[in-house]
Amino acid sequence: MILGLIGAFGSALCYGIASVLQALAARQTAAVDGLDVRLMLRLSQSWRYLLGLAIDGAAFLLSLAALRTLPLFVVQSVVASFLAVTAVLSAVVLKTALPRVDKIGIAVVVVGLILVGLSAAEDAPVPVARSVSWGMLAAAVVLLVVAVPLARLKGRAGAAALGGMAGLGFSVVAVATRILPGPLTIGGLLTDPAAYGLVLSGALALLTYSTAMQRGSVTMATAPLVVLETVVPAGVGLLLLGDRPRPGWGWVAAAGFVIAVLGALSLARHGELQPAAESRAGRTTTVPPPG
């Protein structure tokens, strides 16, 4: 369980670092209309974005290790704290001011995570039917179909809708990762529908969130992502996968989960990573999501 917690916190740290790198690359990226994969191709021409994706990959592997040993509500609340990492790094790397309200937000996240960590129990997964794996693939396909018309929305509505789609995509990634049968083998992954659902939903989440950033404010896009990618997998874990906190610690887990999510939401605008000089000039910066 301790290794799982280390993996979850390491994943949040990596996602925070990757967000800063990807933000620096996204500044010079031209906007797109609709759900256009050319956005990712443009971003891939930046070494900062590619390095950020590599760190995202490391973050995913760390979260994979965590999800194999800890309940989803623990891992997802810890991963949501990547925004606290982004806020701190933006102050250090981009020399942005860190107002008192943001320092309070970071402290709230830390308190919530401490409570969640104290309430965590080692995961005792419930065997799932093959139909659940097919359900993950079906969910990814449905999200893709729904995302296409939503990508035509402009402004705040488009940012919120696509941010929510990204949150649902990352939710599928988390649940699919959790239900992959162990031990993981290449042959097993190639024959498991959940693995394909994981890849499809992850790619869709990256694209929809990056597009959402070009439709409205970072807060508008990030808030629904953080809520959905945290709450939905946690709910699935509690209802279907046998996730439970330590006996007698249910209220501590619930309080810590809510506190951590609220603290992360208060820091959502830090995805913008606006240095002081650029802020005065009215320039904004966008950040691709956590994976």
Protein backbone atom coordinates (compact mmCIF):
# COMPACT_ATOMS: atom_id res chain seq x y z
CA MET A 1 0.00 0.00 0.00
CA ILE A 2 2.86 2.39 0.80
CA LEU A 3 4.35 1.77 -2.65
CA GLY A 4 0.95 2.48 -4.16
CA LEU A 5 0.74 5.84 -2.38
CA ILE A 6 4.27 6.70 -3.51
CA GLY A 7 3.27 5.84 -7.06
CA ALA A 8 0.14 8.02 -6.87
CA PHE A 9 2.04 11.05 -5.50
CA GLY A 10 4.83 10.49 -8.02
CA SER A 11 2.21 10.43 -10.77
CA ALA A 12 0.75 13.77 -9.62
CA LEU A 13 4.25 15.29 -9.52
CA CYS A 14 4.99 14.10 -13.05
CA TYR A 15 1.66 15.39 -14.37
CA GLY A 16 2.37 18.78 -12.83
CA ILE A 17 5.82 18.98 -14.43
CA ALA A 18 4.45 17.82 -17.78
CA SER A 19 1.73 20.48 -17.64
CA VAL A 20 4.30 23.25 -17.33
CA LEU A 21 6.34 21.92 -20.25
CA GLN A 22 3.26 21.47 -22.42
CA ALA A 23 2.03 24.95 -21.54
CA LEU A 24 5.24 26.49 -22.83
CA ALA A 25 4.77 24.62 -26.11
CA ALA A 26 1.06 25.37 -26.43
CA ARG A 27 1.63 29.13 -26.42
CA GLN A 28 2.77 29.15 -30.02
CA THR A 29 0.23 26.60 -31.31
CA ALA A 30 -2.44 27.79 -33.76
CA ALA A 31 -6.07 27.08 -32.89
CA VAL A 32 -8.22 24.55 -34.77
CA ASP A 33 -11.90 24.22 -35.62
CA GLY A 34 -13.86 21.17 -34.51
CA LEU A 35 -12.24 17.96 -33.31
CA ASP A 36 -9.08 18.18 -35.39
CA VAL A 37 -6.16 15.79 -34.85
CA ARG A 38 -3.90 18.32 -36.56
CA LEU A 39 -3.76 20.14 -33.24
CA MET A 40 -1.81 17.24 -31.74
CA LEU A 41 0.43 17.12 -34.83
CA ARG A 42 1.26 20.80 -34.40
CA LEU A 43 2.00 20.35 -30.73
CA SER A 44 4.21 17.34 -31.49
CA GLN A 45 6.63 19.64 -33.33
CA SER A 46 7.75 21.11 -30.01
CA TRP A 47 10.42 19.31 -27.97
CA ARG A 48 8.85 20.70 -24.81
CA TYR A 49 5.52 19.10 -25.64
CA LEU A 50 7.17 15.79 -26.52
CA LEU A 51 9.15 15.85 -23.28
CA GLY A 52 5.93 16.60 -21.47
CA LEU A 53 4.27 13.60 -23.11
CA ALA A 54 7.21 11.41 -22.08
CA ILE A 55 6.78 12.57 -18.49
CA ASP A 56 3.04 11.94 -18.87
CA GLY A 57 3.97 8.39 -19.83
CA ALA A 58 6.02 8.01 -16.65
CA ALA A 59 3.08 9.43 -14.69
CA PHE A 60 0.75 6.86 -16.24
CA LEU A 61 3.07 3.99 -15.30
CA LEU A 62 3.22 5.28 -11.73
CA SER A 63 -0.57 5.59 -11.59
CA LEU A 64 -0.83 2.08 -13.08
CA ALA A 65 1.19 0.73 -10.17
CA ALA A 66 -0.96 2.71 -7.74
CA LEU A 67 -4.25 1.56 -9.28
CA ARG A 68 -3.21 -2.08 -8.92
CA THR A 69 -2.84 -1.70 -5.15
CA LEU A 70 -5.11 1.17 -4.03
CA PRO A 71 -8.81 2.05 -4.41
CA LEU A 72 -9.73 4.38 -7.24
CA PHE A 73 -10.97 7.11 -4.89
CA VAL A 74 -7.51 7.35 -3.34
CA VAL A 75 -5.52 7.37 -6.58
CA GLN A 76 -7.80 9.81 -8.42
CA SER A 77 -7.89 12.34 -5.60
CA VAL A 78 -4.09 12.25 -5.39
CA VAL A 79 -3.71 12.63 -9.16
CA ALA A 80 -6.06 15.64 -9.11
CA SER A 81 -3.49 17.40 -6.92
CA PHE A 82 -1.28 17.85 -10.01
CA LEU A 83 -2.78 21.36 -10.17
CA ALA A 84 -1.08 22.21 -6.88
CA VAL A 85 2.22 21.06 -8.41
CA THR A 86 1.51 23.18 -11.49
CA ALA A 87 0.76 26.23 -9.34
CA VAL A 88 4.05 25.92 -7.46
CA LEU A 89 6.11 25.24 -10.59
CA SER A 90 4.51 28.16 -12.42
CA ALA A 91 5.61 30.44 -9.59
CA VAL A 92 9.16 29.07 -9.71
CA VAL A 93 9.74 28.45 -13.45
CA LEU A 94 7.61 31.18 -15.00
CA LYS A 95 8.09 33.58 -12.08
CA THR A 96 4.39 34.15 -11.56
CA ALA A 97 3.04 35.52 -8.31
CA LEU A 98 1.40 33.02 -5.96
CA PRO A 99 -1.38 34.92 -4.16
CA ARG A 100 -2.43 34.08 -0.64
CA VAL A 101 -5.66 32.48 -1.85
CA ASP A 102 -3.63 30.04 -3.97
CA LYS A 103 -1.35 29.21 -1.06
CA ILE A 104 -4.50 28.42 0.92
CA GLY A 105 -5.73 26.27 -1.97
CA ILE A 106 -2.47 24.29 -1.97
CA ALA A 107 -2.72 23.83 1.80
CA VAL A 108 -6.31 22.59 1.41
CA VAL A 109 -5.21 20.04 -1.18
CA VAL A 110 -2.45 18.80 1.12
CA VAL A 111 -4.85 18.43 4.07
CA GLY A 112 -7.34 16.54 1.89
CA LEU A 113 -4.65 14.20 0.60
CA ILE A 114 -3.39 13.50 4.10
CA LEU A 115 -6.89 12.48 5.15
CA VAL A 116 -7.34 10.30 2.06
CA GLY A 117 -3.95 8.69 2.61
CA LEU A 118 -4.70 7.93 6.26
CA SER A 119 -8.02 6.33 5.33
CA ALA A 120 -6.61 4.20 2.53
CA ALA A 121 -6.77 0.43 2.76
CA GLU A 122 -4.95 -2.00 0.52
CA ASP A 123 -7.07 -2.84 -2.49
CA ALA A 124 -8.92 -6.14 -2.58
CA PRO A 125 -10.25 -6.14 -6.15
CA VAL A 126 -13.50 -7.86 -7.03
CA PRO A 127 -13.34 -10.07 -10.14
CA VAL A 128 -15.19 -8.47 -13.03
CA ALA A 129 -17.01 -10.10 -15.92
CA ARG A 130 -15.66 -9.95 -19.45
CA SER A 131 -18.62 -7.75 -20.30
CA VAL A 132 -17.15 -4.98 -18.13
CA SER A 133 -14.03 -4.93 -20.32
CA TRP A 134 -16.21 -4.65 -23.40
CA GLY A 135 -18.10 -1.91 -21.60
CA MET A 136 -14.88 0.12 -21.33
CA LEU A 137 -14.34 -0.12 -25.08
CA ALA A 138 -17.99 0.73 -25.76
CA ALA A 139 -17.76 3.74 -23.43
CA ALA A 140 -14.70 5.02 -25.31
CA VAL A 141 -16.51 4.70 -28.65
CA VAL A 142 -19.58 6.51 -27.29
CA LEU A 143 -17.39 9.35 -25.98
CA LEU A 144 -15.79 9.68 -29.42
CA VAL A 145 -19.20 9.87 -31.13
CA VAL A 146 -20.47 12.48 -28.65
CA ALA A 147 -17.26 14.54 -28.77
CA VAL A 148 -17.54 15.24 -32.51
CA PRO A 149 -20.65 17.47 -32.34
CA LEU A 150 -19.56 18.99 -29.01
CA ALA A 151 -16.31 20.09 -30.64
CA ARG A 152 -18.33 22.48 -32.82
CA LEU A 153 -19.40 24.51 -29.78
CA LYS A 154 -17.59 27.80 -29.38
CA GLY A 155 -16.66 29.95 -26.43
CA ARG A 156 -17.37 29.06 -22.79
CA ALA A 157 -19.88 26.34 -23.68
CA GLY A 158 -17.34 24.59 -25.90
CA ALA A 159 -14.60 24.85 -23.28
CA ALA A 160 -16.81 23.39 -20.55
CA ALA A 161 -18.27 20.64 -22.74
CA LEU A 162 -14.92 19.46 -24.11
CA GLY A 163 -13.29 19.74 -20.69
CA GLY A 164 -16.02 17.47 -19.37
CA MET A 165 -15.48 15.03 -22.23
CA ALA A 166 -11.79 14.94 -21.38
CA GLY A 167 -12.64 14.21 -17.76
CA LEU A 168 -14.87 11.32 -18.82
CA GLY A 169 -12.11 10.06 -21.14
CA PHE A 170 -9.60 10.00 -18.31
CA SER A 171 -12.24 8.30 -16.16
CA VAL A 172 -12.39 5.44 -18.65
CA VAL A 173 -8.58 5.30 -18.61
CA ALA A 174 -8.54 4.96 -14.82
CA VAL A 175 -11.26 2.31 -14.62
CA ALA A 176 -9.87 0.33 -17.57
CA THR A 177 -6.41 0.38 -15.99
CA ARG A 178 -7.85 -0.90 -12.75
CA ILE A 179 -9.67 -3.88 -14.31
CA LEU A 180 -6.87 -5.08 -16.57
CA PRO A 181 -6.15 -8.67 -15.53
CA GLY A 182 -2.83 -9.36 -13.89
CA PRO A 183 -0.10 -10.17 -14.37
CA LEU A 184 0.04 -7.82 -17.34
CA THR A 185 1.42 -9.39 -20.52
CA ILE A 186 1.54 -8.19 -24.13
CA GLY A 187 -0.62 -11.10 -25.24
CA GLY A 188 -3.15 -10.42 -22.52
CA LEU A 189 -3.36 -6.73 -23.37
CA LEU A 190 -3.81 -7.42 -27.09
CA THR A 191 -6.81 -9.63 -26.38
CA ASP A 192 -8.46 -7.44 -23.72
CA PRO A 193 -11.10 -4.95 -24.93
CA ALA A 194 -10.42 -2.73 -21.91
CA ALA A 195 -6.89 -2.10 -23.18
CA TYR A 196 -8.26 -0.76 -26.46
CA GLY A 197 -10.79 1.33 -24.60
CA LEU A 198 -7.96 2.73 -22.49
CA VAL A 199 -5.92 3.78 -25.54
CA LEU A 200 -8.88 5.26 -27.44
CA SER A 201 -10.26 7.19 -24.47
CA GLY A 202 -6.82 8.45 -23.48
CA ALA A 203 -6.13 9.81 -26.97
CA LEU A 204 -9.59 11.36 -27.11
CA ALA A 205 -9.12 13.00 -23.72
CA LEU A 206 -5.83 14.56 -24.78
CA LEU A 207 -7.39 15.97 -27.95
CA THR A 208 -10.62 17.23 -26.38
CA TYR A 209 -8.86 18.96 -23.49
CA SER A 210 -6.29 20.61 -25.73
CA THR A 211 -9.16 21.81 -27.95
CA ALA A 212 -11.15 23.00 -24.93
CA MET A 213 -8.26 25.26 -23.97
CA GLN A 214 -8.67 27.14 -27.24
CA ARG A 215 -12.41 27.76 -26.70
CA GLY A 216 -12.42 29.51 -23.34
CA SER A 217 -10.65 30.06 -20.05
CA VAL A 218 -8.49 27.39 -18.51
CA THR A 219 -10.71 27.36 -15.43
CA MET A 220 -13.79 26.70 -17.56
CA ALA A 221 -12.08 23.72 -19.24
CA THR A 222 -10.20 22.33 -16.25
CA ALA A 223 -12.92 22.44 -13.58
CA PRO A 224 -15.22 19.85 -15.24
CA LEU A 225 -12.20 17.71 -16.10
CA VAL A 226 -10.98 17.60 -12.49
CA VAL A 227 -14.45 16.86 -11.11
CA LEU A 228 -15.34 14.12 -13.58
CA GLU A 229 -11.96 12.37 -13.74
CA THR A 230 -11.97 12.20 -9.92
CA VAL A 231 -15.59 11.57 -8.99
CA VAL A 232 -16.65 9.15 -11.77
CA PRO A 233 -13.86 6.55 -11.27
CA ALA A 234 -14.24 6.82 -7.50
CA GLY A 235 -17.95 6.09 -7.81
CA VAL A 236 -17.35 3.15 -10.13
CA GLY A 237 -14.75 1.76 -7.75
CA LEU A 238 -17.06 2.00 -4.73
CA LEU A 239 -20.14 0.63 -6.50
CA LEU A 240 -18.68 -2.08 -8.74
CA LEU A 241 -15.08 -2.88 -7.92
CA GLY A 242 -15.09 -3.42 -4.18
CA ASP A 243 -13.19 -0.28 -3.19
CA ARG A 244 -13.42 0.48 0.53
CA PRO A 245 -11.56 2.70 3.02
CA ARG A 246 -10.13 1.31 6.23
CA PRO A 247 -12.85 0.02 8.59
CA GLY A 248 -14.30 2.93 10.55
CA TRP A 249 -12.54 5.53 8.39
CA GLY A 250 -15.29 6.12 5.86
CA TRP A 251 -16.05 9.66 7.02
CA VAL A 252 -12.35 10.54 6.95
CA ALA A 253 -12.04 9.23 3.38
CA ALA A 254 -15.15 11.16 2.26
CA ALA A 255 -14.00 14.40 3.90
CA GLY A 256 -10.47 14.10 2.50
CA PHE A 257 -11.77 13.32 -0.98
CA VAL A 258 -14.10 16.35 -1.05
CA ILE A 259 -11.47 18.67 0.44
CA ALA A 260 -8.80 17.57 -2.05
CA VAL A 261 -11.12 18.02 -5.04
CA LEU A 262 -12.32 21.45 -3.87
CA GLY A 263 -8.74 22.54 -3.30
CA ALA A 264 -7.75 21.37 -6.79
CA LEU A 265 -10.70 23.24 -8.30
CA SER A 266 -9.59 26.44 -6.59
CA LEU A 267 -6.26 26.09 -8.42
CA ALA A 268 -7.76 25.23 -11.83
CA ARG A 269 -6.87 28.58 -13.39
CA HIS A 270 -3.18 27.80 -12.87
CA GLY A 271 -3.32 25.76 -16.06
CA GLU A 272 -3.09 29.16 -17.73
CA LEU A 273 0.45 29.74 -16.46
CA GLN A 274 0.50 33.46 -17.23
CA PRO A 275 3.79 35.16 -16.38
CA ALA A 276 3.30 38.66 -15.01
CA ALA A 277 4.64 40.43 -18.11
CA GLU A 278 2.42 38.44 -20.45
CA SER A 279 -0.59 38.88 -18.21
CA ARG A 280 -0.28 42.64 -18.52
CA ALA A 281 -0.14 42.27 -22.29
CA GLY A 282 -3.29 40.13 -22.27
CA ARG A 283 -1.59 36.96 -23.47
CA THR A 284 -2.78 33.59 -22.22
CA THR A 285 -1.23 30.17 -22.08
CA THR A 286 -2.88 26.79 -22.33
CA VAL A 287 -2.00 23.48 -20.79
CA PRO A 288 -2.75 20.03 -22.15
CA PRO A 289 -4.18 17.64 -19.54
CA PRO A 290 -2.97 15.01 -17.21
CA GLY A 291 -3.12 11.48 -18.73
